[in-house]
Amino acid sequence: MDLIEAARDALDDAHVPYSEYRVGAALRTADGTVYTGCNIENANYSNSLHAEEVALAEAVKNGHREFDRLAVSSGVRDGVTPCGMCRQSLAEFASDDLPVVCDEGDDGTSEYTLGELLPNTISEGTLDDARTP
């Protein structure tokens, strides 16, 4: 199964009673294992989980720290990209050249790198530089 299909399949598990905007993500590890996630909304909104972070958390929980591709889909196939929070979470574990494939339905896909979506990210190096007198 390709990553877009895996992301689309994850949409079925989304819990979106407030926005009704389903998002699914599929994250492939360096060894080819695929982890999926869906958005899980909460009535207070700030405790909602995003599909990308659910997939990332599951992969990290299972010992993976290297990733080679991410696909994201929404129920309306609008080419949704990861939000800023998810981009920063991904940047903790993935390089700037991580391909991010976004589902545009019948129009195909669009593809970015994580670095294009989040230039000049906050990283361990950023924090090290800030600690240097």
C-alpha atoms as a PDB file:
ATOM      1  CA  MET A   1       0.000   0.000   0.000  1.00  0.00           C
ATOM      2  CA  ASP A   2       1.384   3.426  -0.829  1.00  0.00           C
ATOM      3  CA  LEU A   3       1.604   6.164   1.783  1.00  0.00           C
ATOM      4  CA  ILE A   4      -1.257   8.269   0.427  1.00  0.00           C
ATOM      5  CA  GLU A   5      -3.564   5.240   0.631  1.00  0.00           C
ATOM      6  CA  ALA A   6      -2.386   4.540   4.165  1.00  0.00           C
ATOM      7  CA  ALA A   7      -3.077   8.177   5.128  1.00  0.00           C
ATOM      8  CA  ARG A   8      -6.530   7.969   3.537  1.00  0.00           C
ATOM      9  CA  ASP A   9      -7.266   4.753   5.433  1.00  0.00           C
ATOM     10  CA  ALA A  10      -6.339   6.472   8.699  1.00  0.00           C
ATOM     11  CA  LEU A  11      -9.084   9.043   8.080  1.00  0.00           C
ATOM     12  CA  ASP A  12     -11.673   6.436   9.056  1.00  0.00           C
ATOM     13  CA  ASP A  13     -10.490   6.502  12.672  1.00  0.00           C
ATOM     14  CA  ALA A  14     -10.522  10.291  13.080  1.00  0.00           C
ATOM     15  CA  HIS A  15     -12.571  11.709  15.955  1.00  0.00           C
ATOM     16  CA  VAL A  16     -13.719  15.107  14.685  1.00  0.00           C
ATOM     17  CA  PRO A  17     -17.102  16.001  16.216  1.00  0.00           C
ATOM     18  CA  TYR A  18     -16.297  19.726  16.298  1.00  0.00           C
ATOM     19  CA  SER A  19     -14.529  20.611  13.061  1.00  0.00           C
ATOM     20  CA  GLU A  20     -15.697  17.613  11.010  1.00  0.00           C
ATOM     21  CA  TYR A  21     -12.326  17.973   9.225  1.00  0.00           C
ATOM     22  CA  ARG A  22     -10.679  14.555   9.063  1.00  0.00           C
ATOM     23  CA  VAL A  23      -6.923  14.290   8.651  1.00  0.00           C
ATOM     24  CA  GLY A  24      -4.851  11.143   8.239  1.00  0.00           C
ATOM     25  CA  ALA A  25      -1.095  10.770   8.126  1.00  0.00           C
ATOM     26  CA  ALA A  26       1.284   7.955   7.235  1.00  0.00           C
ATOM     27  CA  LEU A  27       4.910   8.168   8.307  1.00  0.00           C
ATOM     28  CA  ARG A  28       7.469   5.739   6.884  1.00  0.00           C
ATOM     29  CA  THR A  29      10.558   4.866   8.887  1.00  0.00           C
ATOM     30  CA  ALA A  30      14.011   4.344   7.429  1.00  0.00           C
ATOM     31  CA  ASP A  31      13.451   0.570   7.589  1.00  0.00           C
ATOM     32  CA  GLY A  32      10.154   0.810   5.677  1.00  0.00           C
ATOM     33  CA  THR A  33       7.741   0.426   8.596  1.00  0.00           C
ATOM     34  CA  VAL A  34       4.664   2.639   8.227  1.00  0.00           C
ATOM     35  CA  TYR A  35       2.869   4.258  11.156  1.00  0.00           C
ATOM     36  CA  THR A  36      -0.439   6.010  10.678  1.00  0.00           C
ATOM     37  CA  GLY A  37      -2.304   8.580  12.685  1.00  0.00           C
ATOM     38  CA  CYS A  38      -5.546  10.505  12.594  1.00  0.00           C
ATOM     39  CA  ASN A  39      -6.712  13.678  14.262  1.00  0.00           C
ATOM     40  CA  ILE A  40      -8.467  13.275  17.595  1.00  0.00           C
ATOM     41  CA  GLU A  41     -10.393  16.337  18.707  1.00  0.00           C
ATOM     42  CA  ASN A  42     -11.225  17.319  22.257  1.00  0.00           C
ATOM     43  CA  ALA A  43     -13.956  19.688  23.397  1.00  0.00           C
ATOM     44  CA  ASN A  44     -11.390  22.137  24.781  1.00  0.00           C
ATOM     45  CA  TYR A  45      -9.550  22.161  21.395  1.00  0.00           C
ATOM     46  CA  SER A  46      -6.064  22.665  22.875  1.00  0.00           C
ATOM     47  CA  ASN A  47      -5.919  18.996  23.911  1.00  0.00           C
ATOM     48  CA  SER A  48      -6.695  17.817  20.388  1.00  0.00           C
ATOM     49  CA  LEU A  49      -4.130  15.593  18.718  1.00  0.00           C
ATOM     50  CA  HIS A  50      -3.043  15.986  15.114  1.00  0.00           C
ATOM     51  CA  ALA A  51      -2.660  13.063  12.721  1.00  0.00           C
ATOM     52  CA  GLU A  52       1.046  13.668  12.109  1.00  0.00           C
ATOM     53  CA  GLU A  53       1.912  13.797  15.797  1.00  0.00           C
ATOM     54  CA  VAL A  54      -0.114  10.632  16.498  1.00  0.00           C
ATOM     55  CA  ALA A  55       1.835   8.766  13.791  1.00  0.00           C
ATOM     56  CA  LEU A  56       5.149  10.205  14.996  1.00  0.00           C
ATOM     57  CA  ALA A  57       4.431   9.322  18.631  1.00  0.00           C
ATOM     58  CA  GLU A  58       3.577   5.733  17.741  1.00  0.00           C
ATOM     59  CA  ALA A  59       6.767   5.366  15.698  1.00  0.00           C
ATOM     60  CA  VAL A  60       8.964   6.881  18.399  1.00  0.00           C
ATOM     61  CA  LYS A  61       7.238   4.764  21.059  1.00  0.00           C
ATOM     62  CA  ASN A  62       8.255   1.726  19.014  1.00  0.00           C
ATOM     63  CA  GLY A  63      11.911   2.771  18.897  1.00  0.00           C
ATOM     64  CA  HIS A  64      12.120   4.522  15.528  1.00  0.00           C
ATOM     65  CA  ARG A  65      14.117   7.722  15.164  1.00  0.00           C
ATOM     66  CA  GLU A  66      14.767   7.889  11.408  1.00  0.00           C
ATOM     67  CA  PHE A  67      12.092   8.657   8.840  1.00  0.00           C
ATOM     68  CA  ASP A  68      12.146   8.874   5.069  1.00  0.00           C
ATOM     69  CA  ARG A  69       8.672  10.014   3.959  1.00  0.00           C
ATOM     70  CA  LEU A  70       5.378  11.431   5.242  1.00  0.00           C
ATOM     71  CA  ALA A  71       2.002  11.534   3.509  1.00  0.00           C
ATOM     72  CA  VAL A  72      -0.953  13.617   4.659  1.00  0.00           C
ATOM     73  CA  SER A  73      -4.565  13.490   3.496  1.00  0.00           C
ATOM     74  CA  SER A  74      -7.804  15.131   4.529  1.00  0.00           C
ATOM     75  CA  GLY A  75     -11.363  14.034   3.984  1.00  0.00           C
ATOM     76  CA  VAL A  76     -11.765  16.740   1.350  1.00  0.00           C
ATOM     77  CA  ARG A  77      -8.417  16.018  -0.387  1.00  0.00           C
ATOM     78  CA  ASP A  78      -7.413  19.686  -0.333  1.00  0.00           C
ATOM     79  CA  GLY A  79      -3.638  19.288  -0.234  1.00  0.00           C
ATOM     80  CA  VAL A  80      -3.446  19.926   3.507  1.00  0.00           C
ATOM     81  CA  THR A  81       0.093  20.298   4.877  1.00  0.00           C
ATOM     82  CA  PRO A  82       1.199  19.667   8.462  1.00  0.00           C
ATOM     83  CA  CYS A  83       0.568  22.604  10.786  1.00  0.00           C
ATOM     84  CA  GLY A  84       3.438  24.498  12.384  1.00  0.00           C
ATOM     85  CA  MET A  85       3.314  22.487  15.602  1.00  0.00           C
ATOM     86  CA  CYS A  86       3.504  19.199  13.689  1.00  0.00           C
ATOM     87  CA  ARG A  87       6.309  20.546  11.504  1.00  0.00           C
ATOM     88  CA  GLN A  88       8.331  21.372  14.612  1.00  0.00           C
ATOM     89  CA  SER A  89       7.624  17.935  16.117  1.00  0.00           C
ATOM     90  CA  LEU A  90       8.732  16.241  12.899  1.00  0.00           C
ATOM     91  CA  ALA A  91      11.887  18.378  12.796  1.00  0.00           C
ATOM     92  CA  GLU A  92      12.945  16.882  16.125  1.00  0.00           C
ATOM     93  CA  PHE A  93      13.364  13.495  14.425  1.00  0.00           C
ATOM     94  CA  ALA A  94      13.584  14.126  10.673  1.00  0.00           C
ATOM     95  CA  SER A  95      15.981  16.030   8.468  1.00  0.00           C
ATOM     96  CA  ASP A  96      15.119  19.064   6.381  1.00  0.00           C
ATOM     97  CA  ASP A  97      14.979  16.880   3.273  1.00  0.00           C
ATOM     98  CA  LEU A  98      12.126  14.662   4.556  1.00  0.00           C
ATOM     99  CA  PRO A  99       9.597  14.494   1.683  1.00  0.00           C
ATOM    100  CA  VAL A 100       6.080  15.523   2.713  1.00  0.00           C
ATOM    101  CA  VAL A 101       3.447  14.374   0.212  1.00  0.00           C
ATOM    102  CA  CYS A 102       0.051  16.098   0.352  1.00  0.00           C
ATOM    103  CA  ASP A 103      -3.092  14.552  -1.107  1.00  0.00           C
ATOM    104  CA  GLU A 104      -4.964  16.664  -3.659  1.00  0.00           C
ATOM    105  CA  GLY A 105      -7.439  13.945  -4.644  1.00  0.00           C
ATOM    106  CA  ASP A 106      -8.094  13.646  -8.357  1.00  0.00           C
ATOM    107  CA  ASP A 107      -5.486  16.363  -8.983  1.00  0.00           C
ATOM    108  CA  GLY A 108      -2.755  14.094  -7.600  1.00  0.00           C
ATOM    109  CA  THR A 109      -0.331  15.197  -4.920  1.00  0.00           C
ATOM    110  CA  SER A 110       1.939  18.060  -4.067  1.00  0.00           C
ATOM    111  CA  GLU A 111       5.314  17.428  -2.486  1.00  0.00           C
ATOM    112  CA  TYR A 112       7.487  19.570  -0.259  1.00  0.00           C
ATOM    113  CA  THR A 113      10.465  18.977   1.955  1.00  0.00           C
ATOM    114  CA  LEU A 114      10.172  19.540   5.668  1.00  0.00           C
ATOM    115  CA  GLY A 115      12.783  22.280   5.316  1.00  0.00           C
ATOM    116  CA  GLU A 116      10.639  24.097   2.771  1.00  0.00           C
ATOM    117  CA  LEU A 117       7.652  23.924   5.104  1.00  0.00           C
ATOM    118  CA  LEU A 118       9.657  24.939   8.185  1.00  0.00           C
ATOM    119  CA  PRO A 119      12.807  26.895   7.358  1.00  0.00           C
ATOM    120  CA  ASN A 120      15.148  27.899  10.173  1.00  0.00           C
ATOM    121  CA  THR A 121      13.608  25.489  12.635  1.00  0.00           C
ATOM    122  CA  ILE A 122      14.373  25.451  16.330  1.00  0.00           C
ATOM    123  CA  SER A 123      16.745  22.548  16.898  1.00  0.00           C
ATOM    124  CA  GLU A 124      19.143  21.145  19.442  1.00  0.00           C
ATOM    125  CA  GLY A 125      21.815  23.236  17.718  1.00  0.00           C
ATOM    126  CA  THR A 126      19.731  26.368  18.198  1.00  0.00           C
ATOM    127  CA  LEU A 127      19.510  25.663  21.914  1.00  0.00           C
ATOM    128  CA  ASP A 128      23.244  24.863  22.121  1.00  0.00           C
ATOM    129  CA  ASP A 129      24.053  28.178  20.423  1.00  0.00           C
ATOM    130  CA  ALA A 130      21.842  30.021  22.926  1.00  0.00           C
ATOM    131  CA  ARG A 131      23.704  28.430  25.855  1.00  0.00           C
ATOM    132  CA  THR A 132      27.133  29.463  24.556  1.00  0.00           C
ATOM    133  CA  PRO A 133      28.368  32.607  26.331  1.00  0.00           C
END
